[in-house]
PDB file of all heavy atoms in Angstrom:
ATOM      1  N   GLU A   1     -17.234  13.286  22.156  1.00  0.00           N
ATOM      2  CA  GLU A   1     -16.064  14.095  22.498  1.00  0.00           C
ATOM      3  C   GLU A   1     -14.859  13.211  22.797  1.00  0.00           C
ATOM      4  O   GLU A   1     -13.731  13.547  22.439  1.00  0.00           O
ATOM      5  CB  GLU A   1     -16.380  14.985  23.703  1.00  0.00           C
ATOM      6  CG  GLU A   1     -17.438  16.029  23.424  1.00  0.00           C
ATOM      7  CD  GLU A   1     -17.067  16.943  22.265  1.00  0.00           C
ATOM      8  OE1 GLU A   1     -15.867  17.285  22.146  1.00  0.00           O
ATOM      9  OE2 GLU A   1     -17.959  17.297  21.482  1.00  0.00           O
ATOM     10  N   ARG A   2     -15.094  12.090  23.446  1.00  0.00           N
ATOM     11  CA  ARG A   2     -13.986  11.183  23.753  1.00  0.00           C
ATOM     12  C   ARG A   2     -13.448  10.522  22.487  1.00  0.00           C
ATOM     13  O   ARG A   2     -12.257  10.233  22.390  1.00  0.00           O
ATOM     14  CB  ARG A   2     -14.464  10.124  24.738  1.00  0.00           C
ATOM     15  CG  ARG A   2     -13.351   9.296  25.278  1.00  0.00           C
ATOM     16  CD  ARG A   2     -13.806   8.430  26.406  1.00  0.00           C
ATOM     17  NE  ARG A   2     -12.709   7.602  26.859  1.00  0.00           N
ATOM     18  CZ  ARG A   2     -12.862   6.494  27.533  1.00  0.00           C
ATOM     19  NH1 ARG A   2     -14.058   6.087  27.852  1.00  0.00           N
ATOM     20  NH2 ARG A   2     -11.828   5.792  27.902  1.00  0.00           N
ATOM     21  N   LEU A   3     -14.317  10.284  21.494  1.00  0.00           N
ATOM     22  CA  LEU A   3     -13.858   9.691  20.242  1.00  0.00           C
ATOM     23  C   LEU A   3     -12.943  10.630  19.469  1.00  0.00           C
ATOM     24  O   LEU A   3     -12.056  10.198  18.750  1.00  0.00           O
ATOM     25  CB  LEU A   3     -15.067   9.329  19.367  1.00  0.00           C
ATOM     26  CG  LEU A   3     -15.887   8.130  19.799  1.00  0.00           C
ATOM     27  CD1 LEU A   3     -17.076   7.964  18.873  1.00  0.00           C
ATOM     28  CD2 LEU A   3     -15.047   6.868  19.784  1.00  0.00           C
ATOM     29  N   ARG A   4     -13.167  11.935  19.606  1.00  0.00           N
ATOM     30  CA  ARG A   4     -12.395  12.905  18.836  1.00  0.00           C
ATOM     31  C   ARG A   4     -11.113  13.352  19.530  1.00  0.00           C
ATOM     32  O   ARG A   4     -10.406  14.205  19.018  1.00  0.00           O
ATOM     33  CB  ARG A   4     -13.258  14.135  18.567  1.00  0.00           C
ATOM     34  CG  ARG A   4     -14.415  13.845  17.657  1.00  0.00           C
ATOM     35  CD  ARG A   4     -15.017  15.130  17.141  1.00  0.00           C
ATOM     36  NE  ARG A   4     -16.257  14.832  16.452  1.00  0.00           N
ATOM     37  CZ  ARG A   4     -17.452  14.944  17.010  1.00  0.00           C
ATOM     38  NH1 ARG A   4     -17.582  15.346  18.247  1.00  0.00           N
ATOM     39  NH2 ARG A   4     -18.534  14.656  16.323  1.00  0.00           N
ATOM     40  N   GLU A   5     -10.806  12.802  20.698  1.00  0.00           N
ATOM     41  CA  GLU A   5      -9.635  13.256  21.449  1.00  0.00           C
ATOM     42  C   GLU A   5      -8.324  13.046  20.693  1.00  0.00           C
ATOM     43  O   GLU A   5      -7.468  13.909  20.690  1.00  0.00           O
ATOM     44  CB  GLU A   5      -9.569  12.540  22.796  1.00  0.00           C
ATOM     45  CG  GLU A   5     -10.538  13.068  23.814  1.00  0.00           C
ATOM     46  CD  GLU A   5     -10.474  12.295  25.114  1.00  0.00           C
ATOM     47  OE1 GLU A   5      -9.673  11.339  25.200  1.00  0.00           O
ATOM     48  OE2 GLU A   5     -11.215  12.648  26.041  1.00  0.00           O
ATOM     49  N   GLY A   6      -8.147  11.902  20.057  1.00  0.00           N
ATOM     50  CA  GLY A   6      -6.874  11.599  19.401  1.00  0.00           C
ATOM     51  C   GLY A   6      -6.813  11.967  17.939  1.00  0.00           C
ATOM     52  O   GLY A   6      -5.919  11.498  17.237  1.00  0.00           O
ATOM     53  N   PHE A   7      -7.729  12.818  17.467  1.00  0.00           N
ATOM     54  CA  PHE A   7      -7.777  13.123  16.029  1.00  0.00           C
ATOM     55  C   PHE A   7      -6.502  13.824  15.568  1.00  0.00           C
ATOM     56  O   PHE A   7      -5.859  13.393  14.620  1.00  0.00           O
ATOM     57  CB  PHE A   7      -9.007  13.990  15.727  1.00  0.00           C
ATOM     58  CG  PHE A   7      -9.101  14.394  14.290  1.00  0.00           C
ATOM     59  CD1 PHE A   7      -9.547  13.505  13.338  1.00  0.00           C
ATOM     60  CD2 PHE A   7      -8.725  15.663  13.888  1.00  0.00           C
ATOM     61  CE1 PHE A   7      -9.626  13.864  12.008  1.00  0.00           C
ATOM     62  CE2 PHE A   7      -8.803  16.031  12.562  1.00  0.00           C
ATOM     63  CZ  PHE A   7      -9.253  15.141  11.620  1.00  0.00           C
ATOM     64  N   TRP A   8      -6.108  14.905  16.232  1.00  0.00           N
ATOM     65  CA  TRP A   8      -4.947  15.674  15.784  1.00  0.00           C
ATOM     66  C   TRP A   8      -3.657  14.924  16.042  1.00  0.00           C
ATOM     67  O   TRP A   8      -2.678  15.100  15.308  1.00  0.00           O
ATOM     68  CB  TRP A   8      -4.925  17.036  16.479  1.00  0.00           C
ATOM     69  CG  TRP A   8      -6.081  17.883  16.066  1.00  0.00           C
ATOM     70  CD1 TRP A   8      -7.164  18.206  16.816  1.00  0.00           C
ATOM     71  CD2 TRP A   8      -6.292  18.474  14.773  1.00  0.00           C
ATOM     72  NE1 TRP A   8      -8.046  18.965  16.081  1.00  0.00           N
ATOM     73  CE2 TRP A   8      -7.531  19.157  14.816  1.00  0.00           C
ATOM     74  CE3 TRP A   8      -5.573  18.490  13.590  1.00  0.00           C
ATOM     75  CZ2 TRP A   8      -8.049  19.842  13.742  1.00  0.00           C
ATOM     76  CZ3 TRP A   8      -6.086  19.181  12.505  1.00  0.00           C
ATOM     77  CH2 TRP A   8      -7.305  19.845  12.587  1.00  0.00           C
ATOM     78  N   ARG A   9      -3.632  14.072  17.058  1.00  0.00           N
ATOM     79  CA  ARG A   9      -2.427  13.296  17.343  1.00  0.00           C
ATOM     80  C   ARG A   9      -2.187  12.249  16.254  1.00  0.00           C
ATOM     81  O   ARG A   9      -1.050  11.963  15.893  1.00  0.00           O
ATOM     82  CB  ARG A   9      -2.577  12.636  18.714  1.00  0.00           C
ATOM     83  CG  ARG A   9      -1.318  11.924  19.168  1.00  0.00           C
ATOM     84  CD  ARG A   9      -1.495  11.265  20.532  1.00  0.00           C
ATOM     85  NE  ARG A   9      -2.473  10.198  20.442  1.00  0.00           N
ATOM     86  CZ  ARG A   9      -3.540  10.093  21.236  1.00  0.00           C
ATOM     87  NH1 ARG A   9      -3.781  10.993  22.153  1.00  0.00           N
ATOM     88  NH2 ARG A   9      -4.379   9.091  21.103  1.00  0.00           N
ATOM     89  N   ASN A  10      -3.268  11.663  15.713  1.00  0.00           N
ATOM     90  CA  ASN A  10      -3.135  10.607  14.704  1.00  0.00           C
ATOM     91  C   ASN A  10      -3.192  11.130  13.273  1.00  0.00           C
ATOM     92  O   ASN A  10      -3.057  10.347  12.333  1.00  0.00           O
ATOM     93  CB  ASN A  10      -4.234   9.571  14.897  1.00  0.00           C
ATOM     94  CG  ASN A  10      -4.117   8.868  16.230  1.00  0.00           C
ATOM     95  OD1 ASN A  10      -3.028   8.651  16.719  1.00  0.00           O
ATOM     96  ND2 ASN A  10      -5.247   8.528  16.820  1.00  0.00           N
ATOM     97  N   LEU A  11      -3.395  12.436  13.101  1.00  0.00           N
ATOM     98  CA  LEU A  11      -3.534  12.994  11.757  1.00  0.00           C
ATOM     99  C   LEU A  11      -2.289  12.805  10.888  1.00  0.00           C
ATOM    100  O   LEU A  11      -2.421  12.445   9.712  1.00  0.00           O
ATOM    101  CB  LEU A  11      -3.926  14.477  11.845  1.00  0.00           C
ATOM    102  CG  LEU A  11      -4.206  15.157  10.508  1.00  0.00           C
ATOM    103  CD1 LEU A  11      -5.400  14.497   9.827  1.00  0.00           C
ATOM    104  CD2 LEU A  11      -4.447  16.638  10.705  1.00  0.00           C
ATOM    105  N   PRO A  12      -1.054  13.032  11.375  1.00  0.00           N
ATOM    106  CA  PRO A  12       0.109  12.830  10.489  1.00  0.00           C
ATOM    107  C   PRO A  12       0.220  11.408   9.940  1.00  0.00           C
ATOM    108  O   PRO A  12       0.476  11.217   8.741  1.00  0.00           O
ATOM    109  CB  PRO A  12       1.305  13.171  11.385  1.00  0.00           C
ATOM    110  CG  PRO A  12       0.758  14.053  12.441  1.00  0.00           C
ATOM    111  CD  PRO A  12      -0.648  13.583  12.666  1.00  0.00           C
ATOM    112  N   LEU A  13       0.020  10.406  10.792  1.00  0.00           N
ATOM    113  CA  LEU A  13       0.076   9.020  10.320  1.00  0.00           C
ATOM    114  C   LEU A  13      -1.039   8.743   9.316  1.00  0.00           C
ATOM    115  O   LEU A  13      -0.820   8.062   8.302  1.00  0.00           O
ATOM    116  CB  LEU A  13      -0.016   8.063  11.507  1.00  0.00           C
ATOM    117  CG  LEU A  13      -0.014   6.575  11.160  1.00  0.00           C
ATOM    118  CD1 LEU A  13       1.299   6.186  10.490  1.00  0.00           C
ATOM    119  CD2 LEU A  13      -0.272   5.742  12.392  1.00  0.00           C
ATOM    120  N   ALA A  14      -2.232   9.274   9.577  1.00  0.00           N
ATOM    121  CA  ALA A  14      -3.349   9.081   8.655  1.00  0.00           C
ATOM    122  C   ALA A  14      -3.051   9.719   7.298  1.00  0.00           C
ATOM    123  O   ALA A  14      -3.386   9.151   6.244  1.00  0.00           O
ATOM    124  CB  ALA A  14      -4.631   9.652   9.249  1.00  0.00           C
ATOM    125  N   LEU A  15      -2.426  10.900   7.294  1.00  0.00           N
ATOM    126  CA  LEU A  15      -2.078  11.546   6.017  1.00  0.00           C
ATOM    127  C   LEU A  15      -1.033  10.752   5.248  1.00  0.00           C
ATOM    128  O   LEU A  15      -1.105  10.644   4.018  1.00  0.00           O
ATOM    129  CB  LEU A  15      -1.585  12.972   6.284  1.00  0.00           C
ATOM    130  CG  LEU A  15      -2.651  13.965   6.736  1.00  0.00           C
ATOM    131  CD1 LEU A  15      -2.020  15.311   7.057  1.00  0.00           C
ATOM    132  CD2 LEU A  15      -3.734  14.114   5.682  1.00  0.00           C
ATOM    133  N   VAL A  16      -0.066  10.173   5.956  1.00  0.00           N
ATOM    134  CA  VAL A  16       0.952   9.350   5.280  1.00  0.00           C
ATOM    135  C   VAL A  16       0.312   8.114   4.650  1.00  0.00           C
ATOM    136  O   VAL A  16       0.550   7.795   3.479  1.00  0.00           O
ATOM    137  CB  VAL A  16       2.072   8.952   6.275  1.00  0.00           C
ATOM    138  CG1 VAL A  16       2.981   7.890   5.669  1.00  0.00           C
ATOM    139  CG2 VAL A  16       2.875  10.169   6.672  1.00  0.00           C
ATOM    140  N   VAL A  17      -0.532   7.414   5.418  1.00  0.00           N
ATOM    141  CA  VAL A  17      -1.192   6.210   4.895  1.00  0.00           C
ATOM    142  C   VAL A  17      -2.122   6.583   3.733  1.00  0.00           C
ATOM    143  O   VAL A  17      -2.154   5.903   2.701  1.00  0.00           O
ATOM    144  CB  VAL A  17      -1.959   5.486   6.018  1.00  0.00           C
ATOM    145  CG1 VAL A  17      -2.820   4.371   5.465  1.00  0.00           C
ATOM    146  CG2 VAL A  17      -0.988   4.942   7.051  1.00  0.00           C
ATOM    147  N   GLY A  18      -2.863   7.678   3.880  1.00  0.00           N
ATOM    148  CA  GLY A  18      -3.738   8.134   2.792  1.00  0.00           C
ATOM    149  C   GLY A  18      -2.960   8.498   1.543  1.00  0.00           C
ATOM    150  O   GLY A  18      -3.376   8.204   0.416  1.00  0.00           O
ATOM    151  N   GLY A  19      -1.807   9.154   1.722  1.00  0.00           N
ATOM    152  CA  GLY A  19      -0.972   9.502   0.563  1.00  0.00           C
ATOM    153  C   GLY A  19      -0.448   8.273  -0.153  1.00  0.00           C
ATOM    154  O   GLY A  19      -0.402   8.231  -1.390  1.00  0.00           O
ATOM    155  N   ILE A  20      -0.051   7.243   0.605  1.00  0.00           N
ATOM    156  CA  ILE A  20       0.415   5.994  -0.011  1.00  0.00           C
ATOM    157  C   ILE A  20      -0.715   5.342  -0.805  1.00  0.00           C
ATOM    158  O   ILE A  20      -0.502   4.862  -1.928  1.00  0.00           O
ATOM    159  CB  ILE A  20       0.971   5.044   1.068  1.00  0.00           C
ATOM    160  CG1 ILE A  20       2.265   5.601   1.641  1.00  0.00           C
ATOM    161  CG2 ILE A  20       1.194   3.646   0.513  1.00  0.00           C
ATOM    162  CD1 ILE A  20       2.789   4.853   2.851  1.00  0.00           C
ATOM    163  N   MET A  21      -1.920   5.338  -0.245  1.00  0.00           N
ATOM    164  CA  MET A  21      -3.046   4.731  -0.956  1.00  0.00           C
ATOM    165  C   MET A  21      -3.385   5.509  -2.229  1.00  0.00           C
ATOM    166  O   MET A  21      -3.679   4.907  -3.273  1.00  0.00           O
ATOM    167  CB  MET A  21      -4.256   4.639  -0.027  1.00  0.00           C
ATOM    168  CG  MET A  21      -4.073   3.654   1.109  1.00  0.00           C
ATOM    169  SD  MET A  21      -5.436   3.622   2.257  1.00  0.00           S
ATOM    170  CE  MET A  21      -6.712   2.919   1.247  1.00  0.00           C
ATOM    171  N   VAL A  22      -3.342   6.839  -2.174  1.00  0.00           N
ATOM    172  CA  VAL A  22      -3.598   7.651  -3.377  1.00  0.00           C
ATOM    173  C   VAL A  22      -2.526   7.384  -4.423  1.00  0.00           C
ATOM    174  O   VAL A  22      -2.829   7.249  -5.622  1.00  0.00           O
ATOM    175  CB  VAL A  22      -3.672   9.146  -3.001  1.00  0.00           C
ATOM    176  CG1 VAL A  22      -3.625  10.025  -4.235  1.00  0.00           C
ATOM    177  CG2 VAL A  22      -4.931   9.423  -2.202  1.00  0.00           C
ATOM    178  N   TRP A  23      -1.260   7.279  -4.002  1.00  0.00           N
ATOM    179  CA  TRP A  23      -0.189   6.976  -4.948  1.00  0.00           C
ATOM    180  C   TRP A  23      -0.401   5.612  -5.609  1.00  0.00           C
ATOM    181  O   TRP A  23      -0.189   5.460  -6.822  1.00  0.00           O
ATOM    182  CB  TRP A  23       1.153   7.015  -4.224  1.00  0.00           C
ATOM    183  CG  TRP A  23       2.304   6.649  -5.106  1.00  0.00           C
ATOM    184  CD1 TRP A  23       2.891   7.410  -6.074  1.00  0.00           C
ATOM    185  CD2 TRP A  23       2.981   5.390  -5.126  1.00  0.00           C
ATOM    186  NE1 TRP A  23       3.897   6.710  -6.680  1.00  0.00           N
ATOM    187  CE2 TRP A  23       3.979   5.468  -6.119  1.00  0.00           C
ATOM    188  CE3 TRP A  23       2.849   4.228  -4.384  1.00  0.00           C
ATOM    189  CZ2 TRP A  23       4.828   4.411  -6.387  1.00  0.00           C
ATOM    190  CZ3 TRP A  23       3.693   3.177  -4.661  1.00  0.00           C
ATOM    191  CH2 TRP A  23       4.674   3.273  -5.656  1.00  0.00           C
ATOM    192  N   GLU A  24      -0.827   4.620  -4.833  1.00  0.00           N
ATOM    193  CA  GLU A  24      -1.099   3.299  -5.406  1.00  0.00           C
ATOM    194  C   GLU A  24      -2.228   3.360  -6.420  1.00  0.00           C
ATOM    195  O   GLU A  24      -2.158   2.736  -7.494  1.00  0.00           O
ATOM    196  CB  GLU A  24      -1.436   2.305  -4.303  1.00  0.00           C
ATOM    197  CG  GLU A  24      -0.266   1.901  -3.451  1.00  0.00           C
ATOM    198  CD  GLU A  24      -0.658   0.990  -2.307  1.00  0.00           C
ATOM    199  OE1 GLU A  24      -1.875   0.813  -2.070  1.00  0.00           O
ATOM    200  OE2 GLU A  24       0.244   0.454  -1.653  1.00  0.00           O
ATOM    201  N   MET A  25      -3.300   4.097  -6.103  1.00  0.00           N
ATOM    202  CA  MET A  25      -4.419   4.200  -7.056  1.00  0.00           C
ATOM    203  C   MET A  25      -4.000   4.909  -8.336  1.00  0.00           C
ATOM    204  O   MET A  25      -4.393   4.508  -9.443  1.00  0.00           O
ATOM    205  CB  MET A  25      -5.607   4.907  -6.401  1.00  0.00           C
ATOM    206  CG  MET A  25      -6.314   4.060  -5.372  1.00  0.00           C
ATOM    207  SD  MET A  25      -7.818   4.797  -4.759  1.00  0.00           S
ATOM    208  CE  MET A  25      -7.173   5.877  -3.512  1.00  0.00           C
ATOM    209  N   ILE A  26      -3.204   5.960  -8.214  1.00  0.00           N
ATOM    210  CA  ILE A  26      -2.727   6.669  -9.409  1.00  0.00           C
ATOM    211  C   ILE A  26      -1.840   5.761 -10.245  1.00  0.00           C
ATOM    212  O   ILE A  26      -1.925   5.740 -11.471  1.00  0.00           O
ATOM    213  CB  ILE A  26      -1.995   7.963  -8.995  1.00  0.00           C
ATOM    214  CG1 ILE A  26      -2.998   8.975  -8.450  1.00  0.00           C
ATOM    215  CG2 ILE A  26      -1.222   8.553 -10.156  1.00  0.00           C
ATOM    216  CD1 ILE A  26      -2.367  10.198  -7.838  1.00  0.00           C
ATOM    217  N   THR A  27      -1.002   4.957  -9.577  1.00  0.00           N
ATOM    218  CA  THR A  27      -0.141   4.015 -10.298  1.00  0.00           C
ATOM    219  C   THR A  27      -0.962   2.981 -11.065  1.00  0.00           C
ATOM    220  O   THR A  27      -0.673   2.686 -12.235  1.00  0.00           O
ATOM    221  CB  THR A  27       0.798   3.299  -9.308  1.00  0.00           C
ATOM    222  OG1 THR A  27       1.523   4.278  -8.576  1.00  0.00           O
ATOM    223  CG2 THR A  27       1.768   2.393 -10.024  1.00  0.00           C
ATOM    224  N   VAL A  28      -1.993   2.458 -10.424  1.00  0.00           N
ATOM    225  CA  VAL A  28      -2.849   1.471 -11.088  1.00  0.00           C
ATOM    226  C   VAL A  28      -3.563   2.094 -12.279  1.00  0.00           C
ATOM    227  O   VAL A  28      -3.631   1.506 -13.374  1.00  0.00           O
ATOM    228  CB  VAL A  28      -3.852   0.870 -10.079  1.00  0.00           C
ATOM    229  CG1 VAL A  28      -4.929   0.070 -10.791  1.00  0.00           C
ATOM    230  CG2 VAL A  28      -3.127  -0.006  -9.077  1.00  0.00           C
ATOM    231  N   LEU A  29      -4.105   3.294 -12.099  1.00  0.00           N
ATOM    232  CA  LEU A  29      -4.793   3.955 -13.218  1.00  0.00           C
ATOM    233  C   LEU A  29      -3.829   4.298 -14.343  1.00  0.00           C
ATOM    234  O   LEU A  29      -4.169   4.149 -15.525  1.00  0.00           O
ATOM    235  CB  LEU A  29      -5.503   5.218 -12.727  1.00  0.00           C
ATOM    236  CG  LEU A  29      -6.771   4.994 -11.920  1.00  0.00           C
ATOM    237  CD1 LEU A  29      -7.307   6.306 -11.384  1.00  0.00           C
ATOM    238  CD2 LEU A  29      -7.820   4.308 -12.766  1.00  0.00           C
ATOM    239  N   ALA A  30      -2.613   4.758 -14.009  1.00  0.00           N
ATOM    240  CA  ALA A  30      -1.638   5.087 -15.051  1.00  0.00           C
ATOM    241  C   ALA A  30      -1.229   3.830 -15.818  1.00  0.00           C
ATOM    242  O   ALA A  30      -1.076   3.867 -17.048  1.00  0.00           O
ATOM    243  CB  ALA A  30      -0.422   5.750 -14.417  1.00  0.00           C
ATOM    244  N   TYR A  31      -1.076   2.720 -15.116  1.00  0.00           N
ATOM    245  CA  TYR A  31      -0.727   1.477 -15.803  1.00  0.00           C
ATOM    246  C   TYR A  31      -1.856   1.032 -16.720  1.00  0.00           C
ATOM    247  O   TYR A  31      -1.613   0.545 -17.821  1.00  0.00           O
ATOM    248  CB  TYR A  31      -0.418   0.389 -14.763  1.00  0.00           C
ATOM    249  CG  TYR A  31      -0.037  -0.928 -15.381  1.00  0.00           C
ATOM    250  CD1 TYR A  31       1.213  -1.100 -15.964  1.00  0.00           C
ATOM    251  CD2 TYR A  31      -0.935  -1.998 -15.398  1.00  0.00           C
ATOM    252  CE1 TYR A  31       1.569  -2.299 -16.538  1.00  0.00           C
ATOM    253  CE2 TYR A  31      -0.581  -3.195 -15.967  1.00  0.00           C
ATOM    254  CZ  TYR A  31       0.661  -3.350 -16.542  1.00  0.00           C
ATOM    255  OH  TYR A  31       1.004  -4.533 -17.114  1.00  0.00           O
ATOM    256  N   ARG A  32      -3.102   1.245 -16.268  1.00  0.00           N
ATOM    257  CA  ARG A  32      -4.239   0.846 -17.107  1.00  0.00           C
ATOM    258  C   ARG A  32      -4.343   1.742 -18.343  1.00  0.00           C
ATOM    259  O   ARG A  32      -4.657   1.276 -19.435  1.00  0.00           O
ATOM    260  CB  ARG A  32      -5.520   0.901 -16.297  1.00  0.00           C
ATOM    261  CG  ARG A  32      -6.746   0.519 -17.092  1.00  0.00           C
ATOM    262  CD  ARG A  32      -8.003   0.633 -16.264  1.00  0.00           C
ATOM    263  NE  ARG A  32      -9.170   0.513 -17.112  1.00  0.00           N
ATOM    264  CZ  ARG A  32      -9.923  -0.567 -17.208  1.00  0.00           C
ATOM    265  NH1 ARG A  32      -9.607  -1.617 -16.521  1.00  0.00           N
ATOM    266  NH2 ARG A  32     -10.967  -0.592 -17.993  1.00  0.00           N
ATOM    267  N   ILE A  33      -4.063   3.021 -18.190  1.00  0.00           N
ATOM    268  CA  ILE A  33      -4.221   3.948 -19.319  1.00  0.00           C
ATOM    269  C   ILE A  33      -3.065   3.826 -20.297  1.00  0.00           C
ATOM    270  O   ILE A  33      -3.267   3.730 -21.508  1.00  0.00           O
ATOM    271  CB  ILE A  33      -4.351   5.396 -18.788  1.00  0.00           C
ATOM    272  CG1 ILE A  33      -5.661   5.548 -18.020  1.00  0.00           C
ATOM    273  CG2 ILE A  33      -4.283   6.397 -19.922  1.00  0.00           C
ATOM    274  CD1 ILE A  33      -5.803   6.857 -17.278  1.00  0.00           C
ATOM    275  N   TRP A  34      -1.803   3.811 -19.797  1.00  0.00           N
ATOM    276  CA  TRP A  34      -0.655   3.851 -20.704  1.00  0.00           C
ATOM    277  C   TRP A  34       0.079   2.526 -20.833  1.00  0.00           C
ATOM    278  O   TRP A  34       0.828   2.349 -21.779  1.00  0.00           O
ATOM    279  CB  TRP A  34       0.346   4.908 -20.220  1.00  0.00           C
ATOM    280  CG  TRP A  34      -0.208   6.288 -20.329  1.00  0.00           C
ATOM    281  CD1 TRP A  34      -0.542   6.938 -21.475  1.00  0.00           C
ATOM    282  CD2 TRP A  34      -0.509   7.163 -19.260  1.00  0.00           C
ATOM    283  NE1 TRP A  34      -1.035   8.170 -21.177  1.00  0.00           N
ATOM    284  CE2 TRP A  34      -1.027   8.350 -19.822  1.00  0.00           C
ATOM    285  CE3 TRP A  34      -0.404   7.074 -17.882  1.00  0.00           C
ATOM    286  CZ2 TRP A  34      -1.415   9.426 -19.046  1.00  0.00           C
ATOM    287  CZ3 TRP A  34      -0.786   8.150 -17.122  1.00  0.00           C
ATOM    288  CH2 TRP A  34      -1.287   9.299 -17.696  1.00  0.00           C
ATOM    289  N   GLY A  35      -0.112   1.602 -19.932  1.00  0.00           N
ATOM    290  CA  GLY A  35       0.714   0.407 -19.950  1.00  0.00           C
ATOM    291  C   GLY A  35       0.065  -0.836 -20.524  1.00  0.00           C
ATOM    292  O   GLY A  35       0.726  -1.812 -20.776  1.00  0.00           O
ATOM    293  N   VAL A  36      -1.221  -0.820 -20.746  1.00  0.00           N
ATOM    294  CA  VAL A  36      -1.912  -2.026 -21.178  1.00  0.00           C
ATOM    295  C   VAL A  36      -2.676  -1.711 -22.457  1.00  0.00           C
ATOM    296  O   VAL A  36      -3.258  -0.637 -22.602  1.00  0.00           O
ATOM    297  CB  VAL A  36      -2.895  -2.509 -20.080  1.00  0.00           C
ATOM    298  CG1 VAL A  36      -3.600  -3.782 -20.509  1.00  0.00           C
ATOM    299  CG2 VAL A  36      -2.158  -2.734 -18.785  1.00  0.00           C
ATOM    300  N   GLY A  37      -2.674  -2.667 -23.363  1.00  0.00           N
ATOM    301  CA  GLY A  37      -3.445  -2.501 -24.583  1.00  0.00           C
ATOM    302  C   GLY A  37      -4.914  -2.818 -24.351  1.00  0.00           C
ATOM    303  O   GLY A  37      -5.431  -2.745 -23.244  1.00  0.00           O
ATOM    304  N   GLU A  38      -5.575  -3.218 -25.395  1.00  0.00           N
ATOM    305  CA  GLU A  38      -6.991  -3.572 -25.288  1.00  0.00           C
ATOM    306  C   GLU A  38      -7.140  -4.849 -24.450  1.00  0.00           C
ATOM    307  O   GLU A  38      -6.325  -5.757 -24.545  1.00  0.00           O
ATOM    308  CB  GLU A  38      -7.574  -3.817 -26.678  1.00  0.00           C
ATOM    309  CG  GLU A  38      -7.731  -2.544 -27.498  1.00  0.00           C
ATOM    310  CD  GLU A  38      -8.764  -1.616 -26.890  1.00  0.00           C
ATOM    311  OE1 GLU A  38      -9.823  -2.095 -26.445  1.00  0.00           O
ATOM    312  OE2 GLU A  38      -8.500  -0.411 -26.822  1.00  0.00           O
ATOM    313  N   PRO A  39      -8.184  -4.912 -23.620  1.00  0.00           N
ATOM    314  CA  PRO A  39      -8.370  -6.136 -22.826  1.00  0.00           C
ATOM    315  C   PRO A  39      -8.719  -7.316 -23.719  1.00  0.00           C
ATOM    316  O   PRO A  39      -9.359  -7.168 -24.764  1.00  0.00           O
ATOM    317  CB  PRO A  39      -9.528  -5.774 -21.894  1.00  0.00           C
ATOM    318  CG  PRO A  39     -10.220  -4.631 -22.531  1.00  0.00           C
ATOM    319  CD  PRO A  39      -9.187  -3.902 -23.338  1.00  0.00           C
ATOM    320  N   ARG A  40      -8.258  -8.500 -23.284  1.00  0.00           N
ATOM    321  CA  ARG A  40      -8.536  -9.710 -24.061  1.00  0.00           C
ATOM    322  C   ARG A  40     -10.013 -10.067 -23.948  1.00  0.00           C
ATOM    323  O   ARG A  40     -10.602  -9.958 -22.874  1.00  0.00           O
ATOM    324  CB  ARG A  40      -7.712 -10.880 -23.537  1.00  0.00           C
ATOM    325  CG  ARG A  40      -6.242 -10.711 -23.733  1.00  0.00           C
ATOM    326  CD  ARG A  40      -5.508 -11.889 -23.176  1.00  0.00           C
ATOM    327  NE  ARG A  40      -5.746 -11.957 -21.731  1.00  0.00           N
ATOM    328  CZ  ARG A  40      -5.514 -13.025 -20.988  1.00  0.00           C
ATOM    329  NH1 ARG A  40      -5.055 -14.115 -21.523  1.00  0.00           N
ATOM    330  NH2 ARG A  40      -5.738 -13.011 -19.694  1.00  0.00           N
ATOM    331  N   PRO A  41     -10.608 -10.508 -25.052  1.00  0.00           N
ATOM    332  CA  PRO A  41     -12.004 -10.956 -24.947  1.00  0.00           C
ATOM    333  C   PRO A  41     -12.071 -12.262 -24.166  1.00  0.00           C
ATOM    334  O   PRO A  41     -11.185 -13.113 -24.241  1.00  0.00           O
ATOM    335  CB  PRO A  41     -12.422 -11.151 -26.413  1.00  0.00           C
ATOM    336  CG  PRO A  41     -11.148 -11.343 -27.160  1.00  0.00           C
ATOM    337  CD  PRO A  41     -10.095 -10.567 -26.414  1.00  0.00           C
ATOM    338  N   LEU A  42     -13.121 -12.400 -23.388  1.00  0.00           N
ATOM    339  CA  LEU A  42     -13.293 -13.605 -22.578  1.00  0.00           C
ATOM    340  C   LEU A  42     -13.787 -14.752 -23.444  1.00  0.00           C
ATOM    341  O   LEU A  42     -14.586 -14.542 -24.361  1.00  0.00           O
ATOM    342  CB  LEU A  42     -14.281 -13.328 -21.452  1.00  0.00           C
ATOM    343  CG  LEU A  42     -13.858 -12.248 -20.464  1.00  0.00           C
ATOM    344  CD1 LEU A  42     -14.975 -11.967 -19.478  1.00  0.00           C
ATOM    345  CD2 LEU A  42     -12.601 -12.660 -19.746  1.00  0.00           C
ATOM    346  N   PRO A  43     -13.341 -15.958 -23.168  1.00  0.00           N
ATOM    347  CA  PRO A  43     -13.802 -17.097 -23.970  1.00  0.00           C
ATOM    348  C   PRO A  43     -15.274 -17.393 -23.710  1.00  0.00           C
ATOM    349  O   PRO A  43     -15.838 -16.987 -22.697  1.00  0.00           O
ATOM    350  CB  PRO A  43     -12.910 -18.257 -23.497  1.00  0.00           C
ATOM    351  CG  PRO A  43     -12.434 -17.857 -22.158  1.00  0.00           C
ATOM    352  CD  PRO A  43     -12.369 -16.360 -22.160  1.00  0.00           C
ATOM    353  N   ALA A  44     -15.876 -18.107 -24.624  1.00  0.00           N
ATOM    354  CA  ALA A  44     -17.290 -18.465 -24.474  1.00  0.00           C
ATOM    355  C   ALA A  44     -17.457 -19.399 -23.279  1.00  0.00           C
ATOM    356  O   ALA A  44     -16.648 -20.296 -23.051  1.00  0.00           O
ATOM    357  CB  ALA A  44     -17.795 -19.153 -25.745  1.00  0.00           C
ATOM    358  N   GLY A  45     -18.496 -19.170 -22.513  1.00  0.00           N
ATOM    359  CA  GLY A  45     -18.761 -19.987 -21.342  1.00  0.00           C
ATOM    360  C   GLY A  45     -17.898 -19.641 -20.137  1.00  0.00           C
ATOM    361  O   GLY A  45     -17.818 -20.422 -19.193  1.00  0.00           O
TER     362      GLY A  45
END
């Protein structure tokens, strides 16, 4: 019960940080899908 005391007080900040992280992941995936061609093959060894 003591651990859950500050849940609603910290929820707005948590939603902002979570939204920023989701935006970053979407940006990375969009860059991978539309911004980059085929990956380069790795050299031998």
